[in-house]
C-alpha atoms as a PDB file:
ATOM      1  CA  UNK A   1       0.000   0.000   0.000  1.00  0.00           C
ATOM      2  CA  UNK A   2       2.842   2.413   0.784  1.00  0.00           C
ATOM      3  CA  UNK A   3       4.538   1.697  -2.534  1.00  0.00           C
ATOM      4  CA  UNK A   4       1.235   2.302  -4.298  1.00  0.00           C
ATOM      5  CA  UNK A   5       0.792   5.541  -2.368  1.00  0.00           C
ATOM      6  CA  UNK A   6       4.174   6.820  -3.583  1.00  0.00           C
ATOM      7  CA  UNK A   7       3.285   5.919  -7.161  1.00  0.00           C
ATOM      8  CA  UNK A   8      -0.066   7.684  -6.928  1.00  0.00           C
ATOM      9  CA  UNK A   9       1.552  10.694  -5.270  1.00  0.00           C
ATOM     10  CA  UNK A  10       4.028  11.100  -8.124  1.00  0.00           C
ATOM     11  CA  UNK A  11       1.396  10.497 -10.789  1.00  0.00           C
ATOM     12  CA  UNK A  12      -0.967  12.929  -9.049  1.00  0.00           C
ATOM     13  CA  UNK A  13       1.622  15.699  -9.280  1.00  0.00           C
ATOM     14  CA  UNK A  14       1.980  15.288 -13.037  1.00  0.00           C
ATOM     15  CA  UNK A  15      -1.723  14.597 -13.634  1.00  0.00           C
ATOM     16  CA  UNK A  16      -2.681  17.838 -11.885  1.00  0.00           C
ATOM     17  CA  UNK A  17      -0.394  19.797 -14.201  1.00  0.00           C
ATOM     18  CA  UNK A  18      -1.560  17.886 -17.265  1.00  0.00           C
ATOM     19  CA  UNK A  19      -5.288  18.303 -16.664  1.00  0.00           C
ATOM     20  CA  UNK A  20      -5.071  21.999 -15.718  1.00  0.00           C
ATOM     21  CA  UNK A  21      -2.925  22.924 -18.736  1.00  0.00           C
ATOM     22  CA  UNK A  22      -5.601  23.158 -21.490  1.00  0.00           C
ATOM     23  CA  UNK A  23      -7.709  25.754 -19.668  1.00  0.00           C
ATOM     24  CA  UNK A  24      -4.851  27.829 -18.307  1.00  0.00           C
ATOM     25  CA  UNK A  25      -4.861  30.502 -21.023  1.00  0.00           C
ATOM     26  CA  UNK A  26      -8.487  30.238 -22.121  1.00  0.00           C
ATOM     27  CA  UNK A  27      -9.565  30.462 -18.484  1.00  0.00           C
ATOM     28  CA  UNK A  28      -7.649  33.709 -17.963  1.00  0.00           C
ATOM     29  CA  UNK A  29      -8.948  35.775 -20.860  1.00  0.00           C
ATOM     30  CA  UNK A  30      -8.774  38.975 -18.815  1.00  0.00           C
ATOM     31  CA  UNK A  31      -5.012  38.525 -18.429  1.00  0.00           C
ATOM     32  CA  UNK A  32      -4.603  37.937 -22.158  1.00  0.00           C
ATOM     33  CA  UNK A  33      -6.719  40.835 -23.442  1.00  0.00           C
ATOM     34  CA  UNK A  34      -6.929  43.654 -20.947  1.00  0.00           C
ATOM     35  CA  UNK A  35      -3.520  44.086 -19.388  1.00  0.00           C
ATOM     36  CA  UNK A  36       0.081  43.483 -20.238  1.00  0.00           C
ATOM     37  CA  UNK A  37       0.834  40.361 -18.248  1.00  0.00           C
ATOM     38  CA  UNK A  38       3.716  37.898 -18.577  1.00  0.00           C
ATOM     39  CA  UNK A  39       1.593  34.883 -19.521  1.00  0.00           C
ATOM     40  CA  UNK A  40       4.618  32.609 -19.470  1.00  0.00           C
ATOM     41  CA  UNK A  41       4.571  32.678 -15.640  1.00  0.00           C
ATOM     42  CA  UNK A  42       1.101  31.114 -15.405  1.00  0.00           C
ATOM     43  CA  UNK A  43       2.437  27.560 -15.876  1.00  0.00           C
ATOM     44  CA  UNK A  44       4.806  28.121 -12.961  1.00  0.00           C
ATOM     45  CA  UNK A  45       1.818  28.746 -10.700  1.00  0.00           C
ATOM     46  CA  UNK A  46       0.307  25.410 -11.694  1.00  0.00           C
ATOM     47  CA  UNK A  47       3.589  23.546 -11.136  1.00  0.00           C
ATOM     48  CA  UNK A  48       4.142  25.208  -7.752  1.00  0.00           C
ATOM     49  CA  UNK A  49       0.576  24.427  -6.708  1.00  0.00           C
ATOM     50  CA  UNK A  50       1.024  20.784  -7.723  1.00  0.00           C
ATOM     51  CA  UNK A  51       4.355  20.670  -5.863  1.00  0.00           C
ATOM     52  CA  UNK A  52       2.628  21.970  -2.745  1.00  0.00           C
ATOM     53  CA  UNK A  53       0.011  19.213  -2.998  1.00  0.00           C
ATOM     54  CA  UNK A  54       2.738  16.615  -3.586  1.00  0.00           C
ATOM     55  CA  UNK A  55       4.634  17.887  -0.547  1.00  0.00           C
ATOM     56  CA  UNK A  56       1.571  17.641   1.695  1.00  0.00           C
ATOM     57  CA  UNK A  57       0.993  14.113   0.399  1.00  0.00           C
ATOM     58  CA  UNK A  58       4.614  13.277   1.180  1.00  0.00           C
ATOM     59  CA  UNK A  59       4.093  14.496   4.750  1.00  0.00           C
ATOM     60  CA  UNK A  60       1.148  12.079   4.984  1.00  0.00           C
ATOM     61  CA  UNK A  61       3.401   9.317   3.639  1.00  0.00           C
ATOM     62  CA  UNK A  62       6.085  10.076   6.234  1.00  0.00           C
ATOM     63  CA  UNK A  63       3.547   9.956   9.078  1.00  0.00           C
ATOM     64  CA  UNK A  64       1.991   6.702   7.795  1.00  0.00           C
ATOM     65  CA  UNK A  65       5.402   5.167   7.202  1.00  0.00           C
ATOM     66  CA  UNK A  66       6.416   6.024  10.735  1.00  0.00           C
ATOM     67  CA  UNK A  67       3.209   4.587  12.192  1.00  0.00           C
ATOM     68  CA  UNK A  68       3.026   1.436  10.063  1.00  0.00           C
ATOM     69  CA  UNK A  69       6.678   0.573   9.491  1.00  0.00           C
ATOM     70  CA  UNK A  70       8.327   2.493  12.300  1.00  0.00           C
ATOM     71  CA  UNK A  71      10.972   4.050  10.082  1.00  0.00           C
ATOM     72  CA  UNK A  72      11.899   7.142   8.131  1.00  0.00           C
ATOM     73  CA  UNK A  73      14.888   6.859   5.821  1.00  0.00           C
ATOM     74  CA  UNK A  74      17.387   9.705   5.723  1.00  0.00           C
ATOM     75  CA  UNK A  75      17.451   9.383   1.924  1.00  0.00           C
ATOM     76  CA  UNK A  76      14.028  11.054   1.920  1.00  0.00           C
ATOM     77  CA  UNK A  77      15.931  14.363   1.776  1.00  0.00           C
ATOM     78  CA  UNK A  78      16.651  13.563  -1.889  1.00  0.00           C
ATOM     79  CA  UNK A  79      12.942  13.444  -2.782  1.00  0.00           C
ATOM     80  CA  UNK A  80      12.832  17.069  -4.040  1.00  0.00           C
ATOM     81  CA  UNK A  81      15.857  16.384  -6.258  1.00  0.00           C
ATOM     82  CA  UNK A  82      14.099  13.354  -7.717  1.00  0.00           C
ATOM     83  CA  UNK A  83      10.968  15.384  -8.447  1.00  0.00           C
ATOM     84  CA  UNK A  84      12.726  18.384 -10.070  1.00  0.00           C
ATOM     85  CA  UNK A  85      13.225  16.686 -13.475  1.00  0.00           C
ATOM     86  CA  UNK A  86       9.530  15.743 -13.559  1.00  0.00           C
ATOM     87  CA  UNK A  87       8.659  19.343 -12.667  1.00  0.00           C
ATOM     88  CA  UNK A  88      10.459  20.493 -15.831  1.00  0.00           C
ATOM     89  CA  UNK A  89       8.531  17.918 -17.883  1.00  0.00           C
ATOM     90  CA  UNK A  90       5.303  19.195 -16.303  1.00  0.00           C
ATOM     91  CA  UNK A  91       6.272  22.809 -16.994  1.00  0.00           C
ATOM     92  CA  UNK A  92       7.012  22.043 -20.644  1.00  0.00           C
ATOM     93  CA  UNK A  93       3.756  20.103 -20.940  1.00  0.00           C
ATOM     94  CA  UNK A  94       1.803  23.052 -19.560  1.00  0.00           C
ATOM     95  CA  UNK A  95       3.483  25.557 -21.886  1.00  0.00           C
ATOM     96  CA  UNK A  96       2.812  23.308 -24.864  1.00  0.00           C
ATOM     97  CA  UNK A  97      -0.764  22.256 -24.100  1.00  0.00           C
ATOM     98  CA  UNK A  98      -1.933  25.635 -22.787  1.00  0.00           C
ATOM     99  CA  UNK A  99      -0.780  27.376 -25.955  1.00  0.00           C
ATOM    100  CA  UNK A 100      -2.092  24.744 -28.366  1.00  0.00           C
ATOM    101  CA  UNK A 101      -5.460  24.426 -26.613  1.00  0.00           C
ATOM    102  CA  UNK A 102      -6.224  28.075 -27.361  1.00  0.00           C
ATOM    103  CA  UNK A 103      -6.430  27.047 -31.014  1.00  0.00           C
ATOM    104  CA  UNK A 104      -7.460  23.389 -30.559  1.00  0.00           C
ATOM    105  CA  UNK A 105     -10.124  23.355 -27.840  1.00  0.00           C
ATOM    106  CA  UNK A 106     -10.581  19.577 -27.909  1.00  0.00           C
ATOM    107  CA  UNK A 107      -7.237  19.052 -26.166  1.00  0.00           C
ATOM    108  CA  UNK A 108      -9.046  19.519 -22.850  1.00  0.00           C
ATOM    109  CA  UNK A 109     -11.131  16.415 -23.608  1.00  0.00           C
ATOM    110  CA  UNK A 110      -8.027  14.289 -24.130  1.00  0.00           C
ATOM    111  CA  UNK A 111      -5.897  15.202 -21.115  1.00  0.00           C
ATOM    112  CA  UNK A 112      -8.025  13.360 -18.550  1.00  0.00           C
ATOM    113  CA  UNK A 113      -7.874  10.172 -20.603  1.00  0.00           C
ATOM    114  CA  UNK A 114      -4.147  10.673 -21.161  1.00  0.00           C
ATOM    115  CA  UNK A 115      -3.552  11.135 -17.417  1.00  0.00           C
ATOM    116  CA  UNK A 116      -5.411   7.884 -16.691  1.00  0.00           C
ATOM    117  CA  UNK A 117      -3.486   6.041 -19.400  1.00  0.00           C
ATOM    118  CA  UNK A 118      -0.208   7.330 -17.978  1.00  0.00           C
ATOM    119  CA  UNK A 119      -1.198   5.968 -14.582  1.00  0.00           C
ATOM    120  CA  UNK A 120      -1.917   2.451 -15.815  1.00  0.00           C
ATOM    121  CA  UNK A 121       1.078   2.397 -18.179  1.00  0.00           C
ATOM    122  CA  UNK A 122       3.559   3.340 -15.467  1.00  0.00           C
ATOM    123  CA  UNK A 123       5.082   1.528 -12.534  1.00  0.00           C
ATOM    124  CA  UNK A 124       2.673   3.265 -10.144  1.00  0.00           C
ATOM    125  CA  UNK A 125       0.461   0.187  -9.851  1.00  0.00           C
ATOM    126  CA  UNK A 126       2.447  -2.656 -11.414  1.00  0.00           C
ATOM    127  CA  UNK A 127       6.214  -3.091 -11.020  1.00  0.00           C
ATOM    128  CA  UNK A 128       7.697  -3.100 -14.518  1.00  0.00           C
ATOM    129  CA  UNK A 129       9.966  -6.056 -13.731  1.00  0.00           C
ATOM    130  CA  UNK A 130       6.938  -8.327 -13.212  1.00  0.00           C
ATOM    131  CA  UNK A 131       5.665  -7.734 -16.751  1.00  0.00           C
ATOM    132  CA  UNK A 132       6.566  -9.759 -19.847  1.00  0.00           C
ATOM    133  CA  UNK A 133       9.569  -8.365 -21.737  1.00  0.00           C
ATOM    134  CA  UNK A 134       7.394  -7.257 -24.666  1.00  0.00           C
ATOM    135  CA  UNK A 135       5.376  -4.892 -22.440  1.00  0.00           C
ATOM    136  CA  UNK A 136       8.223  -3.511 -20.391  1.00  0.00           C
ATOM    137  CA  UNK A 137       9.383  -1.179 -23.173  1.00  0.00           C
ATOM    138  CA  UNK A 138       5.964   0.514 -23.288  1.00  0.00           C
ATOM    139  CA  UNK A 139       6.021   1.114 -19.538  1.00  0.00           C
ATOM    140  CA  UNK A 140       9.604   2.402 -19.612  1.00  0.00           C
ATOM    141  CA  UNK A 141       8.717   4.943 -22.325  1.00  0.00           C
ATOM    142  CA  UNK A 142       6.288   6.552 -19.890  1.00  0.00           C
ATOM    143  CA  UNK A 143       8.093   9.581 -18.392  1.00  0.00           C
ATOM    144  CA  UNK A 144       6.554   8.811 -14.988  1.00  0.00           C
ATOM    145  CA  UNK A 145       7.981   5.303 -14.596  1.00  0.00           C
ATOM    146  CA  UNK A 146      11.591   6.277 -13.921  1.00  0.00           C
ATOM    147  CA  UNK A 147      10.632   9.048 -11.478  1.00  0.00           C
ATOM    148  CA  UNK A 148       8.160   6.816  -9.614  1.00  0.00           C
ATOM    149  CA  UNK A 149      10.858   4.172  -9.231  1.00  0.00           C
ATOM    150  CA  UNK A 150      13.339   6.759  -7.953  1.00  0.00           C
ATOM    151  CA  UNK A 151      10.821   8.201  -5.480  1.00  0.00           C
ATOM    152  CA  UNK A 152      10.334   4.701  -4.104  1.00  0.00           C
ATOM    153  CA  UNK A 153      14.095   4.195  -3.876  1.00  0.00           C
ATOM    154  CA  UNK A 154      14.648   7.261  -1.689  1.00  0.00           C
ATOM    155  CA  UNK A 155      11.399   7.302   0.311  1.00  0.00           C
ATOM    156  CA  UNK A 156      10.529   3.627   0.830  1.00  0.00           C
ATOM    157  CA  UNK A 157      13.662   1.545   0.347  1.00  0.00           C
ATOM    158  CA  UNK A 158      16.138   4.068   1.781  1.00  0.00           C
ATOM    159  CA  UNK A 159      18.515   3.842  -1.173  1.00  0.00           C
ATOM    160  CA  UNK A 160      20.341   6.550  -3.070  1.00  0.00           C
ATOM    161  CA  UNK A 161      18.738   7.672  -6.318  1.00  0.00           C
ATOM    162  CA  UNK A 162      20.226   6.937  -9.726  1.00  0.00           C
ATOM    163  CA  UNK A 163      22.047  10.253 -10.139  1.00  0.00           C
ATOM    164  CA  UNK A 164      23.223   9.514 -13.684  1.00  0.00           C
ATOM    165  CA  UNK A 165      19.714   8.580 -14.773  1.00  0.00           C
ATOM    166  CA  UNK A 166      18.279  11.675 -13.104  1.00  0.00           C
ATOM    167  CA  UNK A 167      20.912  13.821 -14.812  1.00  0.00           C
ATOM    168  CA  UNK A 168      19.999  12.491 -18.259  1.00  0.00           C
ATOM    169  CA  UNK A 169      16.312  12.802 -17.445  1.00  0.00           C
ATOM    170  CA  UNK A 170      16.794  16.408 -16.291  1.00  0.00           C
ATOM    171  CA  UNK A 171      18.724  17.272 -19.445  1.00  0.00           C
ATOM    172  CA  UNK A 172      15.978  15.839 -21.643  1.00  0.00           C
ATOM    173  CA  UNK A 173      13.310  17.538 -19.530  1.00  0.00           C
ATOM    174  CA  UNK A 174      15.007  20.924 -19.857  1.00  0.00           C
ATOM    175  CA  UNK A 175      15.323  20.548 -23.626  1.00  0.00           C
ATOM    176  CA  UNK A 176      11.638  19.620 -23.833  1.00  0.00           C
ATOM    177  CA  UNK A 177      10.667  22.565 -21.606  1.00  0.00           C
ATOM    178  CA  UNK A 178      12.745  24.948 -23.727  1.00  0.00           C
ATOM    179  CA  UNK A 179      11.135  23.748 -26.967  1.00  0.00           C
ATOM    180  CA  UNK A 180       7.669  23.936 -25.397  1.00  0.00           C
ATOM    181  CA  UNK A 181       8.411  27.472 -24.205  1.00  0.00           C
ATOM    182  CA  UNK A 182       9.459  28.403 -27.755  1.00  0.00           C
ATOM    183  CA  UNK A 183       6.112  27.096 -29.052  1.00  0.00           C
ATOM    184  CA  UNK A 184       4.317  29.066 -26.327  1.00  0.00           C
ATOM    185  CA  UNK A 185       6.137  32.283 -27.250  1.00  0.00           C
ATOM    186  CA  UNK A 186       5.462  31.759 -30.957  1.00  0.00           C
ATOM    187  CA  UNK A 187       1.746  31.128 -30.526  1.00  0.00           C
ATOM    188  CA  UNK A 188       1.017  33.723 -27.825  1.00  0.00           C
ATOM    189  CA  UNK A 189       0.728  36.496 -30.408  1.00  0.00           C
ATOM    190  CA  UNK A 190      -2.523  34.947 -31.587  1.00  0.00           C
ATOM    191  CA  UNK A 191      -4.082  34.381 -28.144  1.00  0.00           C
ATOM    192  CA  UNK A 192      -5.952  37.683 -27.981  1.00  0.00           C
ATOM    193  CA  UNK A 193      -7.330  37.285 -31.517  1.00  0.00           C
ATOM    194  CA  UNK A 194      -8.673  33.768 -30.899  1.00  0.00           C
ATOM    195  CA  UNK A 195     -10.006  34.441 -27.399  1.00  0.00           C
END
């Protein structure tokens, strides 16, 4: 149950960002039309809000882990460092989806289904190692799987995270966020006209 909780906690962080992204710009028309406002900061508010919720959930995990298992691993201090790469993926996702959904309104209908699919195709519920080899590749392509596994390493098992893997993940996440930001900046000129 505690392993499942950590998987759901990590997925919940990303799912919150994913499902709020399509309505971020269209839901703040007054900021787009009436005043000069740096719209590129809006995704940060969503990510920070989701991080706050993830942190409160982690506090619940720590309390439950202490009550049920009688232990708290010192490696838990690395949890924020494990979540930072996923935060960049979430930020890039919000920039990309919030800008595209201004022009393609149906994106909002897809994100809930996508969030659910990402839950069931990650290691949140089923450990990837228990699956047949042919399915493992699909689960490992999910950007949540690696982070969920690393969260479990530091919070549940008391092991050090895979720093090399996190470094590569962070590099890829930052490239994705940069490209998504470029799309956001390119499309933002048309926001006021469409809205």
